[in-house]
PDB file of N, CA and C in Angstrom:
ATOM      1  N   MET A   1       0.836  -1.171   0.000  1.00  0.00           N
ATOM      2  CA  MET A   1       0.000   0.000   0.000  1.00  0.00           C
ATOM      3  C   MET A   1       0.892   1.250   0.000  1.00  0.00           C
ATOM      4  N   ILE A   2       0.482   2.246  -0.740  1.00  0.00           N
ATOM      5  CA  ILE A   2       1.220   3.502  -0.806  1.00  0.00           C
ATOM      6  C   ILE A   2       0.664   4.454   0.237  1.00  0.00           C
ATOM      7  N   ALA A   3       1.544   5.019   1.040  1.00  0.00           N
ATOM      8  CA  ALA A   3       1.129   5.935   2.115  1.00  0.00           C
ATOM      9  C   ALA A   3       0.518   7.207   1.532  1.00  0.00           C
ATOM     10  N   LYS A   4      -0.524   7.687   2.182  1.00  0.00           N
ATOM     11  CA  LYS A   4      -1.114   8.976   1.823  1.00  0.00           C
ATOM     12  C   LYS A   4      -0.409  10.036   2.654  1.00  0.00           C
ATOM     13  N   THR A   5       0.388  10.845   2.015  1.00  0.00           N
ATOM     14  CA  THR A   5       1.165  11.851   2.718  1.00  0.00           C
ATOM     15  C   THR A   5       0.538  13.235   2.507  1.00  0.00           C
ATOM     16  N   PRO A   6       0.830  14.164   3.409  1.00  0.00           N
ATOM     17  CA  PRO A   6       0.260  15.507   3.296  1.00  0.00           C
ATOM     18  C   PRO A   6       1.019  16.336   2.255  1.00  0.00           C
ATOM     19  N   GLU A   7       0.632  17.569   2.118  1.00  0.00           N
ATOM     20  CA  GLU A   7       1.383  18.472   1.259  1.00  0.00           C
ATOM     21  C   GLU A   7       2.799  18.607   1.787  1.00  0.00           C
ATOM     22  N   THR A   8       3.733  18.776   0.885  1.00  0.00           N
ATOM     23  CA  THR A   8       5.128  18.954   1.261  1.00  0.00           C
ATOM     24  C   THR A   8       5.312  20.327   1.902  1.00  0.00           C
ATOM     25  N   PRO A   9       6.355  20.484   2.689  1.00  0.00           N
ATOM     26  CA  PRO A   9       7.403  19.514   2.996  1.00  0.00           C
ATOM     27  C   PRO A   9       7.031  18.611   4.163  1.00  0.00           C
ATOM     28  N   TYR A  10       7.635  17.447   4.181  1.00  0.00           N
ATOM     29  CA  TYR A  10       7.605  16.505   5.284  1.00  0.00           C
ATOM     30  C   TYR A  10       8.877  15.683   5.167  1.00  0.00           C
ATOM     31  N   TYR A  11       9.064  14.713   6.035  1.00  0.00           N
ATOM     32  CA  TYR A  11      10.318  13.959   6.061  1.00  0.00           C
ATOM     33  C   TYR A  11      10.082  12.479   5.826  1.00  0.00           C
ATOM     34  N   ALA A  12      11.085  11.846   5.204  1.00  0.00           N
ATOM     35  CA  ALA A  12      11.080  10.396   4.985  1.00  0.00           C
ATOM     36  C   ALA A  12      12.299   9.800   5.662  1.00  0.00           C
ATOM     37  N   VAL A  13      12.074   8.703   6.390  1.00  0.00           N
ATOM     38  CA  VAL A  13      13.164   7.927   6.972  1.00  0.00           C
ATOM     39  C   VAL A  13      13.229   6.627   6.183  1.00  0.00           C
ATOM     40  N   ILE A  14      14.347   6.420   5.504  1.00  0.00           N
ATOM     41  CA  ILE A  14      14.544   5.238   4.661  1.00  0.00           C
ATOM     42  C   ILE A  14      15.438   4.262   5.422  1.00  0.00           C
ATOM     43  N   PHE A  15      14.890   3.096   5.717  1.00  0.00           N
ATOM     44  CA  PHE A  15      15.584   2.071   6.494  1.00  0.00           C
ATOM     45  C   PHE A  15      15.823   0.884   5.571  1.00  0.00           C
ATOM     46  N   THR A  16      17.081   0.687   5.153  1.00  0.00           N
ATOM     47  CA  THR A  16      17.449  -0.365   4.216  1.00  0.00           C
ATOM     48  C   THR A  16      18.211  -1.444   4.984  1.00  0.00           C
ATOM     49  N   THR A  17      17.832  -2.717   4.783  1.00  0.00           N
ATOM     50  CA  THR A  17      18.401  -3.781   5.609  1.00  0.00           C
ATOM     51  C   THR A  17      18.805  -5.012   4.809  1.00  0.00           C
ATOM     52  N   LEU A  18      19.795  -5.697   5.347  1.00  0.00           N
ATOM     53  CA  LEU A  18      20.126  -7.064   4.962  1.00  0.00           C
ATOM     54  C   LEU A  18      19.939  -7.907   6.206  1.00  0.00           C
ATOM     55  N   ARG A  19      19.166  -8.963   6.099  1.00  0.00           N
ATOM     56  CA  ARG A  19      18.830  -9.802   7.242  1.00  0.00           C
ATOM     57  C   ARG A  19      19.873 -10.879   7.498  1.00  0.00           C
ATOM     58  N   THR A  20      19.894 -11.353   8.731  1.00  0.00           N
ATOM     59  CA  THR A  20      20.621 -12.570   9.077  1.00  0.00           C
ATOM     60  C   THR A  20      19.668 -13.741   8.817  1.00  0.00           C
ATOM     61  N   ASP A  21      20.071 -14.939   9.205  1.00  0.00           N
ATOM     62  CA  ASP A  21      19.203 -16.114   9.071  1.00  0.00           C
ATOM     63  C   ASP A  21      18.270 -16.281  10.261  1.00  0.00           C
ATOM     64  N   VAL A  22      18.369 -15.426  11.256  1.00  0.00           N
ATOM     65  CA  VAL A  22      17.551 -15.532  12.468  1.00  0.00           C
ATOM     66  C   VAL A  22      16.180 -14.917  12.217  1.00  0.00           C
ATOM     67  N   ASP A  23      15.130 -15.727  12.398  1.00  0.00           N
ATOM     68  CA  ASP A  23      13.759 -15.250  12.230  1.00  0.00           C
ATOM     69  C   ASP A  23      13.016 -15.104  13.553  1.00  0.00           C
ATOM     70  N   LYS A  24      13.501 -15.753  14.610  1.00  0.00           N
ATOM     71  CA  LYS A  24      12.797 -15.818  15.887  1.00  0.00           C
ATOM     72  C   LYS A  24      12.390 -14.426  16.385  1.00  0.00           C
ATOM     73  N   GLY A  25      11.087 -14.194  16.417  1.00  0.00           N
ATOM     74  CA  GLY A  25      10.540 -12.956  16.952  1.00  0.00           C
ATOM     75  C   GLY A  25      10.538 -11.778  16.005  1.00  0.00           C
ATOM     76  N   TYR A  26      11.110 -11.935  14.810  1.00  0.00           N
ATOM     77  CA  TYR A  26      11.253 -10.798  13.892  1.00  0.00           C
ATOM     78  C   TYR A  26       9.905 -10.239  13.423  1.00  0.00           C
ATOM     79  N   LEU A  27       9.053 -11.092  12.898  1.00  0.00           N
ATOM     80  CA  LEU A  27       7.766 -10.617  12.365  1.00  0.00           C
ATOM     81  C   LEU A  27       6.907  -9.977  13.449  1.00  0.00           C
ATOM     82  N   GLU A  28       6.896 -10.583  14.611  1.00  0.00           N
ATOM     83  CA  GLU A  28       6.119 -10.019  15.726  1.00  0.00           C
ATOM     84  C   GLU A  28       6.639  -8.633  16.105  1.00  0.00           C
ATOM     85  N   MET A  29       7.961  -8.486  16.149  1.00  0.00           N
ATOM     86  CA  MET A  29       8.540  -7.193  16.509  1.00  0.00           C
ATOM     87  C   MET A  29       8.294  -6.156  15.415  1.00  0.00           C
ATOM     88  N   ALA A  30       8.396  -6.557  14.171  1.00  0.00           N
ATOM     89  CA  ALA A  30       8.137  -5.624  13.069  1.00  0.00           C
ATOM     90  C   ALA A  30       6.699  -5.109  13.132  1.00  0.00           C
ATOM     91  N   GLU A  31       5.756  -6.006  13.393  1.00  0.00           N
ATOM     92  CA  GLU A  31       4.350  -5.592  13.518  1.00  0.00           C
ATOM     93  C   GLU A  31       4.151  -4.683  14.725  1.00  0.00           C
ATOM     94  N   LYS A  32       4.799  -5.005  15.832  1.00  0.00           N
ATOM     95  CA  LYS A  32       4.688  -4.177  17.039  1.00  0.00           C
ATOM     96  C   LYS A  32       5.241  -2.782  16.784  1.00  0.00           C
ATOM     97  N   MET A  33       6.372  -2.683  16.088  1.00  0.00           N
ATOM     98  CA  MET A  33       6.977  -1.378  15.817  1.00  0.00           C
ATOM     99  C   MET A  33       6.116  -0.553  14.869  1.00  0.00           C
ATOM    100  N   GLU A  34       5.501  -1.198  13.893  1.00  0.00           N
ATOM    101  CA  GLU A  34       4.621  -0.462  12.980  1.00  0.00           C
ATOM    102  C   GLU A  34       3.412   0.084  13.742  1.00  0.00           C
ATOM    103  N   THR A  35       2.827  -0.733  14.602  1.00  0.00           N
ATOM    104  CA  THR A  35       1.689  -0.292  15.411  1.00  0.00           C
ATOM    105  C   THR A  35       2.089   0.849  16.343  1.00  0.00           C
ATOM    106  N   LEU A  36       3.236   0.720  16.976  1.00  0.00           N
ATOM    107  CA  LEU A  36       3.715   1.738  17.904  1.00  0.00           C
ATOM    108  C   LEU A  36       4.044   3.045  17.174  1.00  0.00           C
ATOM    109  N   ALA A  37       4.661   2.935  16.006  1.00  0.00           N
ATOM    110  CA  ALA A  37       4.999   4.140  15.225  1.00  0.00           C
ATOM    111  C   ALA A  37       3.743   4.930  14.887  1.00  0.00           C
ATOM    112  N   LYS A  38       2.667   4.218  14.541  1.00  0.00           N
ATOM    113  CA  LYS A  38       1.412   4.881  14.182  1.00  0.00           C
ATOM    114  C   LYS A  38       0.842   5.707  15.328  1.00  0.00           C
ATOM    115  N   GLU A  39       1.223   5.392  16.546  1.00  0.00           N
ATOM    116  CA  GLU A  39       0.734   6.105  17.725  1.00  0.00           C
ATOM    117  C   GLU A  39       1.567   7.347  18.052  1.00  0.00           C
ATOM    118  N   GLN A  40       2.692   7.528  17.359  1.00  0.00           N
ATOM    119  CA  GLN A  40       3.613   8.607  17.692  1.00  0.00           C
ATOM    120  C   GLN A  40       3.167   9.930  17.064  1.00  0.00           C
ATOM    121  N   PRO A  41       3.309  11.027  17.801  1.00  0.00           N
ATOM    122  CA  PRO A  41       3.017  12.341  17.227  1.00  0.00           C
ATOM    123  C   PRO A  41       3.917  12.595  16.014  1.00  0.00           C
ATOM    124  N   GLY A  42       3.343  13.101  14.956  1.00  0.00           N
ATOM    125  CA  GLY A  42       4.106  13.421  13.762  1.00  0.00           C
ATOM    126  C   GLY A  42       4.224  12.306  12.744  1.00  0.00           C
ATOM    127  N   TYR A  43       3.759  11.100  13.083  1.00  0.00           N
ATOM    128  CA  TYR A  43       3.807   9.966  12.150  1.00  0.00           C
ATOM    129  C   TYR A  43       2.813  10.200  11.018  1.00  0.00           C
ATOM    130  N   LEU A  44       3.231   9.942   9.774  1.00  0.00           N
ATOM    131  CA  LEU A  44       2.367  10.167   8.614  1.00  0.00           C
ATOM    132  C   LEU A  44       2.037   8.910   7.823  1.00  0.00           C
ATOM    133  N   GLY A  45       2.893   7.887   7.871  1.00  0.00           N
ATOM    134  CA  GLY A  45       2.628   6.676   7.101  1.00  0.00           C
ATOM    135  C   GLY A  45       3.881   5.855   6.907  1.00  0.00           C
ATOM    136  N   ILE A  46       3.697   4.688   6.254  1.00  0.00           N
ATOM    137  CA  ILE A  46       4.816   3.763   6.051  1.00  0.00           C
ATOM    138  C   ILE A  46       4.602   2.971   4.768  1.00  0.00           C
ATOM    139  N   GLU A  47       5.711   2.615   4.137  1.00  0.00           N
ATOM    140  CA  GLU A  47       5.722   1.718   2.982  1.00  0.00           C
ATOM    141  C   GLU A  47       6.897   0.762   3.180  1.00  0.00           C
ATOM    142  N   SER A  48       6.718  -0.499   2.814  1.00  0.00           N
ATOM    143  CA  SER A  48       7.773  -1.469   3.057  1.00  0.00           C
ATOM    144  C   SER A  48       7.759  -2.563   1.997  1.00  0.00           C
ATOM    145  N   ALA A  49       8.955  -3.034   1.631  1.00  0.00           N
ATOM    146  CA  ALA A  49       9.098  -4.139   0.688  1.00  0.00           C
ATOM    147  C   ALA A  49      10.358  -4.914   1.051  1.00  0.00           C
ATOM    148  N   ARG A  50      10.321  -6.225   0.790  1.00  0.00           N
ATOM    149  CA  ARG A  50      11.500  -7.046   1.082  1.00  0.00           C
ATOM    150  C   ARG A  50      11.653  -8.121   0.018  1.00  0.00           C
ATOM    151  N   ASN A  51      12.844  -8.198  -0.524  1.00  0.00           N
ATOM    152  CA  ASN A  51      13.334  -9.338  -1.283  1.00  0.00           C
ATOM    153  C   ASN A  51      14.658  -9.695  -0.631  1.00  0.00           C
ATOM    154  N   ASP A  52      15.744  -9.627  -1.372  1.00  0.00           N
ATOM    155  CA  ASP A  52      17.056  -9.830  -0.748  1.00  0.00           C
ATOM    156  C   ASP A  52      17.387  -8.654   0.169  1.00  0.00           C
ATOM    157  N   VAL A  53      16.984  -7.470  -0.258  1.00  0.00           N
ATOM    158  CA  VAL A  53      17.177  -6.248   0.513  1.00  0.00           C
ATOM    159  C   VAL A  53      15.807  -5.771   0.986  1.00  0.00           C
ATOM    160  N   GLY A  54      15.715  -5.377   2.246  1.00  0.00           N
ATOM    161  CA  GLY A  54      14.474  -4.820   2.764  1.00  0.00           C
ATOM    162  C   GLY A  54      14.548  -3.304   2.760  1.00  0.00           C
ATOM    163  N   ILE A  55      13.471  -2.661   2.346  1.00  0.00           N
ATOM    164  CA  ILE A  55      13.413  -1.205   2.366  1.00  0.00           C
ATOM    165  C   ILE A  55      12.097  -0.800   3.007  1.00  0.00           C
ATOM    166  N   THR A  56      12.194  -0.044   4.075  1.00  0.00           N
ATOM    167  CA  THR A  56      11.022   0.511   4.740  1.00  0.00           C
ATOM    168  C   THR A  56      11.190   2.019   4.766  1.00  0.00           C
ATOM    169  N   VAL A  57      10.167   2.716   4.309  1.00  0.00           N
ATOM    170  CA  VAL A  57      10.173   4.173   4.328  1.00  0.00           C
ATOM    171  C   VAL A  57       9.037   4.612   5.242  1.00  0.00           C
ATOM    172  N   SER A  58       9.389   5.342   6.284  1.00  0.00           N
ATOM    173  CA  SER A  58       8.352   5.926   7.141  1.00  0.00           C
ATOM    174  C   SER A  58       8.368   7.437   6.933  1.00  0.00           C
ATOM    175  N   TYR A  59       7.192   8.033   7.058  1.00  0.00           N
ATOM    176  CA  TYR A  59       7.030   9.457   6.781  1.00  0.00           C
ATOM    177  C   TYR A  59       6.650  10.181   8.068  1.00  0.00           C
ATOM    178  N   TRP A  60       7.245  11.362   8.244  1.00  0.00           N
ATOM    179  CA  TRP A  60       7.102  12.117   9.479  1.00  0.00           C
ATOM    180  C   TRP A  60       6.913  13.599   9.194  1.00  0.00           C
ATOM    181  N   ARG A  61       6.204  14.266  10.068  1.00  0.00           N
ATOM    182  CA  ARG A  61       5.903  15.689   9.926  1.00  0.00           C
ATOM    183  C   ARG A  61       7.159  16.553  10.010  1.00  0.00           C
ATOM    184  N   ASP A  62       8.064  16.207  10.938  1.00  0.00           N
ATOM    185  CA  ASP A  62       9.232  17.063  11.172  1.00  0.00           C
ATOM    186  C   ASP A  62      10.369  16.248  11.800  1.00  0.00           C
ATOM    187  N   LEU A  63      11.531  16.879  11.888  1.00  0.00           N
ATOM    188  CA  LEU A  63      12.703  16.206  12.448  1.00  0.00           C
ATOM    189  C   LEU A  63      12.537  15.886  13.924  1.00  0.00           C
ATOM    190  N   GLU A  64      11.828  16.720  14.651  1.00  0.00           N
ATOM    191  CA  GLU A  64      11.607  16.468  16.082  1.00  0.00           C
ATOM    192  C   GLU A  64      10.814  15.175  16.287  1.00  0.00           C
ATOM    193  N   SER A  65       9.826  14.919  15.442  1.00  0.00           N
ATOM    194  CA  SER A  65       9.050  13.671  15.522  1.00  0.00           C
ATOM    195  C   SER A  65       9.935  12.457  15.281  1.00  0.00           C
ATOM    196  N   ILE A  66      10.854  12.572  14.333  1.00  0.00           N
ATOM    197  CA  ILE A  66      11.788  11.477  14.043  1.00  0.00           C
ATOM    198  C   ILE A  66      12.702  11.233  15.238  1.00  0.00           C
ATOM    199  N   LYS A  67      13.196  12.302  15.824  1.00  0.00           N
ATOM    200  CA  LYS A  67      14.081  12.182  16.992  1.00  0.00           C
ATOM    201  C   LYS A  67      13.347  11.544  18.165  1.00  0.00           C
ATOM    202  N   THR A  68      12.107  11.946  18.381  1.00  0.00           N
ATOM    203  CA  THR A  68      11.308  11.371  19.469  1.00  0.00           C
ATOM    204  C   THR A  68      11.107   9.873  19.238  1.00  0.00           C
ATOM    205  N   TRP A  69      10.805   9.476  18.011  1.00  0.00           N
ATOM    206  CA  TRP A  69      10.627   8.064  17.670  1.00  0.00           C
ATOM    207  C   TRP A  69      11.926   7.286  17.898  1.00  0.00           C
ATOM    208  N   LYS A  70      13.058   7.865  17.500  1.00  0.00           N
ATOM    209  CA  LYS A  70      14.340   7.203  17.689  1.00  0.00           C
ATOM    210  C   LYS A  70      14.578   6.859  19.157  1.00  0.00           C
ATOM    211  N   HIS A  71      14.173   7.743  20.050  1.00  0.00           N
ATOM    212  CA  HIS A  71      14.455   7.557  21.470  1.00  0.00           C
ATOM    213  C   HIS A  71      13.299   6.902  22.238  1.00  0.00           C
ATOM    214  N   GLN A  72      12.223   6.553  21.560  1.00  0.00           N
ATOM    215  CA  GLN A  72      11.105   5.868  22.215  1.00  0.00           C
ATOM    216  C   GLN A  72      11.638   4.546  22.766  1.00  0.00           C
ATOM    217  N   ILE A  73      11.355   4.241  24.014  1.00  0.00           N
ATOM    218  CA  ILE A  73      12.015   3.147  24.738  1.00  0.00           C
ATOM    219  C   ILE A  73      11.822   1.773  24.080  1.00  0.00           C
ATOM    220  N   ASP A  74      10.604   1.442  23.646  1.00  0.00           N
ATOM    221  CA  ASP A  74      10.376   0.136  23.012  1.00  0.00           C
ATOM    222  C   ASP A  74      11.065   0.062  21.651  1.00  0.00           C
ATOM    223  N   HIS A  75      11.089   1.179  20.940  1.00  0.00           N
ATOM    224  CA  HIS A  75      11.788   1.225  19.654  1.00  0.00           C
ATOM    225  C   HIS A  75      13.296   1.041  19.857  1.00  0.00           C
ATOM    226  N   ALA A  76      13.844   1.651  20.894  1.00  0.00           N
ATOM    227  CA  ALA A  76      15.270   1.493  21.202  1.00  0.00           C
ATOM    228  C   ALA A  76      15.606   0.028  21.519  1.00  0.00           C
ATOM    229  N   LYS A  77      14.730  -0.642  22.263  1.00  0.00           N
ATOM    230  CA  LYS A  77      14.940  -2.068  22.568  1.00  0.00           C
ATOM    231  C   LYS A  77      14.893  -2.912  21.299  1.00  0.00           C
ATOM    232  N   ALA A  78      13.939  -2.611  20.419  1.00  0.00           N
ATOM    233  CA  ALA A  78      13.832  -3.343  19.155  1.00  0.00           C
ATOM    234  C   ALA A  78      15.076  -3.113  18.296  1.00  0.00           C
ATOM    235  N   ARG A  79      15.582  -1.902  18.301  1.00  0.00           N
ATOM    236  CA  ARG A  79      16.787  -1.586  17.546  1.00  0.00           C
ATOM    237  C   ARG A  79      17.977  -2.412  18.069  1.00  0.00           C
ATOM    238  N   ASP A  80      18.093  -2.527  19.383  1.00  0.00           N
ATOM    239  CA  ASP A  80      19.170  -3.339  19.972  1.00  0.00           C
ATOM    240  C   ASP A  80      19.038  -4.803  19.564  1.00  0.00           C
ATOM    241  N   LEU A  81      17.820  -5.328  19.598  1.00  0.00           N
ATOM    242  CA  LEU A  81      17.593  -6.715  19.171  1.00  0.00           C
ATOM    243  C   LEU A  81      17.904  -6.887  17.693  1.00  0.00           C
ATOM    244  N   GLY A  82      17.565  -5.901  16.897  1.00  0.00           N
ATOM    245  CA  GLY A  82      17.862  -5.946  15.467  1.00  0.00           C
ATOM    246  C   GLY A  82      19.357  -6.085  15.215  1.00  0.00           C
ATOM    247  N   ARG A  83      20.137  -5.291  15.926  1.00  0.00           N
ATOM    248  CA  ARG A  83      21.598  -5.365  15.777  1.00  0.00           C
ATOM    249  C   ARG A  83      22.141  -6.707  16.254  1.00  0.00           C
ATOM    250  N   GLU A  84      21.550  -7.211  17.336  1.00  0.00           N
ATOM    251  CA  GLU A  84      22.019  -8.473  17.930  1.00  0.00           C
ATOM    252  C   GLU A  84      21.610  -9.695  17.116  1.00  0.00           C
ATOM    253  N   LEU A  85      20.361  -9.703  16.603  1.00  0.00           N
ATOM    254  CA  LEU A  85      19.793 -10.918  16.018  1.00  0.00           C
ATOM    255  C   LEU A  85      19.468 -10.858  14.530  1.00  0.00           C
ATOM    256  N   TRP A  86      18.759  -9.831  14.091  1.00  0.00           N
ATOM    257  CA  TRP A  86      18.060  -9.888  12.809  1.00  0.00           C
ATOM    258  C   TRP A  86      18.751  -9.246  11.626  1.00  0.00           C
ATOM    259  N   TYR A  87      19.652  -8.295  11.868  1.00  0.00           N
ATOM    260  CA  TYR A  87      20.252  -7.566  10.754  1.00  0.00           C
ATOM    261  C   TYR A  87      21.742  -7.827  10.641  1.00  0.00           C
ATOM    262  N   ALA A  88      22.168  -8.191   9.433  1.00  0.00           N
ATOM    263  CA  ALA A  88      23.589  -8.289   9.125  1.00  0.00           C
ATOM    264  C   ALA A  88      24.134  -6.895   8.819  1.00  0.00           C
ATOM    265  N   GLN A  89      23.265  -6.056   8.266  1.00  0.00           N
ATOM    266  CA  GLN A  89      23.645  -4.688   7.919  1.00  0.00           C
ATOM    267  C   GLN A  89      22.389  -3.855   7.784  1.00  0.00           C
ATOM    268  N   TYR A  90      22.467  -2.590   8.161  1.00  0.00           N
ATOM    269  CA  TYR A  90      21.397  -1.662   7.838  1.00  0.00           C
ATOM    270  C   TYR A  90      21.938  -0.269   7.630  1.00  0.00           C
ATOM    271  N   GLN A  91      21.169   0.510   6.917  1.00  0.00           N
ATOM    272  CA  GLN A  91      21.504   1.913   6.668  1.00  0.00           C
ATOM    273  C   GLN A  91      20.228   2.719   6.847  1.00  0.00           C
ATOM    274  N   LEU A  92      20.346   3.840   7.526  1.00  0.00           N
ATOM    275  CA  LEU A  92      19.209   4.720   7.760  1.00  0.00           C
ATOM    276  C   LEU A  92      19.497   6.063   7.118  1.00  0.00           C
ATOM    277  N   ARG A  93      18.528   6.556   6.366  1.00  0.00           N
ATOM    278  CA  ARG A  93      18.669   7.853   5.707  1.00  0.00           C
ATOM    279  C   ARG A  93      17.457   8.709   6.034  1.00  0.00           C
ATOM    280  N   ILE A  94      17.684   9.966   6.361  1.00  0.00           N
ATOM    281  CA  ILE A  94      16.600  10.892   6.663  1.00  0.00           C
ATOM    282  C   ILE A  94      16.606  11.964   5.582  1.00  0.00           C
ATOM    283  N   CYS A  95      15.465  12.134   4.931  1.00  0.00           N
ATOM    284  CA  CYS A  95      15.362  13.031   3.780  1.00  0.00           C
ATOM    285  C   CYS A  95      14.189  13.990   3.950  1.00  0.00           C
ATOM    286  N   LYS A  96      14.368  15.202   3.502  1.00  0.00           N
ATOM    287  CA  LYS A  96      13.270  16.156   3.465  1.00  0.00           C
ATOM    288  C   LYS A  96      12.591  16.032   2.103  1.00  0.00           C
ATOM    289  N   VAL A  97      11.302  15.762   2.108  1.00  0.00           N
ATOM    290  CA  VAL A  97      10.536  15.655   0.869  1.00  0.00           C
ATOM    291  C   VAL A  97      10.026  17.049   0.529  1.00  0.00           C
ATOM    292  N   GLU A  98      10.517  17.585  -0.562  1.00  0.00           N
ATOM    293  CA  GLU A  98      10.134  18.935  -0.954  1.00  0.00           C
ATOM    294  C   GLU A  98       9.098  18.949  -2.063  1.00  0.00           C
ATOM    295  N   ARG A  99       8.957  17.822  -2.739  1.00  0.00           N
ATOM    296  CA  ARG A  99       7.989  17.739  -3.833  1.00  0.00           C
ATOM    297  C   ARG A  99       7.558  16.286  -3.960  1.00  0.00           C
ATOM    298  N   ASP A 100       6.288  16.055  -4.177  1.00  0.00           N
ATOM    299  CA  ASP A 100       5.819  14.717  -4.506  1.00  0.00           C
ATOM    300  C   ASP A 100       4.628  14.816  -5.461  1.00  0.00           C
ATOM    301  N   TYR A 101       4.453  13.764  -6.234  1.00  0.00           N
ATOM    302  CA  TYR A 101       3.322  13.678  -7.145  1.00  0.00           C
ATOM    303  C   TYR A 101       3.124  12.210  -7.466  1.00  0.00           C
ATOM    304  N   GLY A 102       1.973  11.880  -8.011  1.00  0.00           N
ATOM    305  CA  GLY A 102       1.716  10.475  -8.296  1.00  0.00           C
ATOM    306  C   GLY A 102       0.633  10.284  -9.350  1.00  0.00           C
ATOM    307  N   PHE A 103       0.269   9.069  -9.528  1.00  0.00           N
ATOM    308  CA  PHE A 103      -0.738   8.666 -10.498  1.00  0.00           C
ATOM    309  C   PHE A 103      -1.604   7.592  -9.848  1.00  0.00           C
ATOM    310  N   ASN A 104      -2.887   7.669 -10.068  1.00  0.00           N
ATOM    311  CA  ASN A 104      -3.817   6.690  -9.537  1.00  0.00           C
ATOM    312  C   ASN A 104      -4.861   6.388 -10.582  1.00  0.00           C
ATOM    313  N   LYS A 105      -4.919   5.163 -11.064  1.00  0.00           N
ATOM    314  CA  LYS A 105      -5.877   4.762 -12.092  1.00  0.00           C
ATOM    315  C   LYS A 105      -7.232   4.520 -11.504  1.00  0.00           C
TER     316      LYS A 105
END
């Protein structure tokens, strides 16, 4: 599903991952983090896809909302577990969206 975002500007956090072979608890934690993110002030939406490389893009109203999410206690615990168990590598990018447009049939 494509996130419905507001008028620009807003921010995108791009989380790109390579997984390990460990699956224990991963799907449950991913679902919990998505649910928790939706409850955060400034959260706008999410899009995610996974093949060999996983890419999740979350959208936020401002940089302060992103910073608050980064330091949210359950999210911090999930991040630690990700480093310990689920991710061989990840990269996080924060971008300001200044223009967007789309097509809908």
